[in-house]
């Protein structure tokens, strides 16, 4: 049984890192994910280069697109308890920047 992702920075970071390494990305991209809640708005970045994912607990200045998410909602999406598209439509997750790259990344990462 897989451990549930908790709405904490450490738990979400580990889950994003694990998922990014399992998914096959077809193009290079990068994003910063900022988690809102009782986490001091800590960011993490996901960078894909030559099909290899790197996840780190830092800001990614000049990322092509950015994801801002409520930590509880983001954990629920990672757990499969909430659909990513629903979370975006409800405003619990927002994205800005290069829409084409964001769409490809999110379809690959959350699909």
Protein backbone atom coordinates (compact mmCIF):
# COMPACT_ATOMS: atom_id res chain seq x y z
CA UNK A 1 0.00 0.00 0.00
CA UNK A 2 1.37 3.38 -1.04
CA UNK A 3 1.78 5.99 1.68
CA UNK A 4 -0.64 8.90 1.47
CA UNK A 5 0.78 12.29 0.58
CA UNK A 6 0.25 14.71 3.46
CA UNK A 7 -0.30 18.47 2.93
CA UNK A 8 3.22 19.24 4.15
CA UNK A 9 6.15 20.50 2.12
CA UNK A 10 8.28 17.41 2.79
CA UNK A 11 5.57 14.94 1.88
CA UNK A 12 4.56 16.81 -1.28
CA UNK A 13 8.20 17.28 -2.30
CA UNK A 14 8.88 13.53 -2.02
CA UNK A 15 5.71 12.69 -3.97
CA UNK A 16 6.51 15.19 -6.76
CA UNK A 17 10.07 13.88 -6.96
CA UNK A 18 8.90 10.25 -7.16
CA UNK A 19 6.27 10.98 -9.80
CA UNK A 20 8.60 13.14 -11.91
CA UNK A 21 11.10 10.28 -12.06
CA UNK A 22 8.44 7.75 -13.15
CA UNK A 23 6.84 9.84 -15.90
CA UNK A 24 8.25 10.03 -19.44
CA UNK A 25 8.51 13.64 -20.55
CA UNK A 26 8.83 14.24 -24.30
CA UNK A 27 10.12 17.80 -24.13
CA UNK A 28 12.35 19.92 -21.93
CA UNK A 29 10.56 22.30 -19.60
CA UNK A 30 10.61 23.63 -16.06
CA UNK A 31 8.12 24.96 -13.57
CA UNK A 32 8.01 26.36 -10.08
CA UNK A 33 5.33 25.02 -7.78
CA UNK A 34 4.43 27.27 -4.86
CA UNK A 35 2.43 25.61 -2.10
CA UNK A 36 0.10 27.81 -0.10
CA UNK A 37 -1.25 27.00 3.32
CA UNK A 38 0.60 26.74 6.59
CA UNK A 39 3.87 26.24 4.71
CA UNK A 40 5.24 29.79 4.44
CA UNK A 41 4.58 29.58 0.68
CA UNK A 42 7.66 27.42 0.09
CA UNK A 43 8.45 26.81 -3.59
CA UNK A 44 9.93 23.82 -5.34
CA UNK A 45 10.93 23.45 -8.93
CA UNK A 46 10.66 20.67 -11.44
CA UNK A 47 13.05 20.80 -14.37
CA UNK A 48 12.98 18.34 -17.26
CA UNK A 49 16.07 18.20 -19.44
CA UNK A 50 16.76 15.44 -21.97
CA UNK A 51 13.96 13.40 -20.41
CA UNK A 52 15.51 13.50 -16.93
CA UNK A 53 13.57 15.16 -14.12
CA UNK A 54 15.20 17.21 -11.39
CA UNK A 55 13.16 18.33 -8.40
CA UNK A 56 14.59 20.73 -5.84
CA UNK A 57 13.25 22.86 -2.97
CA UNK A 58 14.14 26.21 -4.49
CA UNK A 59 12.66 29.04 -6.51
CA UNK A 60 13.02 28.70 -10.26
CA UNK A 61 13.48 32.21 -11.57
CA UNK A 62 12.23 32.71 -15.13
CA UNK A 63 10.41 29.37 -15.34
CA UNK A 64 8.26 29.10 -18.48
CA UNK A 65 5.18 28.65 -16.28
CA UNK A 66 4.28 28.62 -12.60
CA UNK A 67 1.86 26.56 -10.55
CA UNK A 68 0.41 27.95 -7.31
CA UNK A 69 -1.54 25.46 -5.25
CA UNK A 70 -3.26 25.02 -1.96
CA UNK A 71 -1.16 22.36 -0.20
CA UNK A 72 -4.19 20.29 0.84
CA UNK A 73 -5.59 20.29 -2.68
CA UNK A 74 -2.21 19.48 -4.23
CA UNK A 75 -1.77 16.55 -1.83
CA UNK A 76 -5.28 15.33 -2.74
CA UNK A 77 -4.40 15.49 -6.46
CA UNK A 78 -1.17 13.56 -5.88
CA UNK A 79 -3.13 10.96 -3.89
CA UNK A 80 -5.66 10.59 -6.70
CA UNK A 81 -8.47 11.88 -4.47
CA UNK A 82 -9.04 15.00 -6.58
CA UNK A 83 -8.77 15.60 -10.30
CA UNK A 84 -6.17 18.18 -11.35
CA UNK A 85 -8.50 19.82 -13.90
CA UNK A 86 -11.26 20.12 -11.29
CA UNK A 87 -8.82 21.72 -8.84
CA UNK A 88 -7.80 24.27 -11.50
CA UNK A 89 -11.42 25.00 -12.42
CA UNK A 90 -12.23 25.57 -8.73
CA UNK A 91 -9.27 27.94 -8.33
CA UNK A 92 -7.43 25.78 -5.76
CA UNK A 93 -4.61 25.43 -8.27
CA UNK A 94 -3.64 28.26 -10.59
CA UNK A 95 -1.13 28.42 -13.40
CA UNK A 96 0.42 31.30 -15.27
CA UNK A 97 3.00 31.63 -18.00
CA UNK A 98 3.46 29.61 -21.18
CA UNK A 99 0.12 27.84 -21.60
CA UNK A 100 1.39 25.33 -24.17
CA UNK A 101 4.24 24.14 -21.93
CA UNK A 102 1.97 24.09 -18.87
CA UNK A 103 -0.59 21.97 -20.72
CA UNK A 104 1.98 19.42 -21.91
CA UNK A 105 3.62 19.23 -18.48
CA UNK A 106 0.34 18.87 -16.59
CA UNK A 107 -1.09 16.27 -18.99
CA UNK A 108 2.13 14.26 -18.63
CA UNK A 109 2.61 14.74 -14.89
CA UNK A 110 -1.01 14.44 -13.71
CA UNK A 111 -2.46 12.39 -16.59
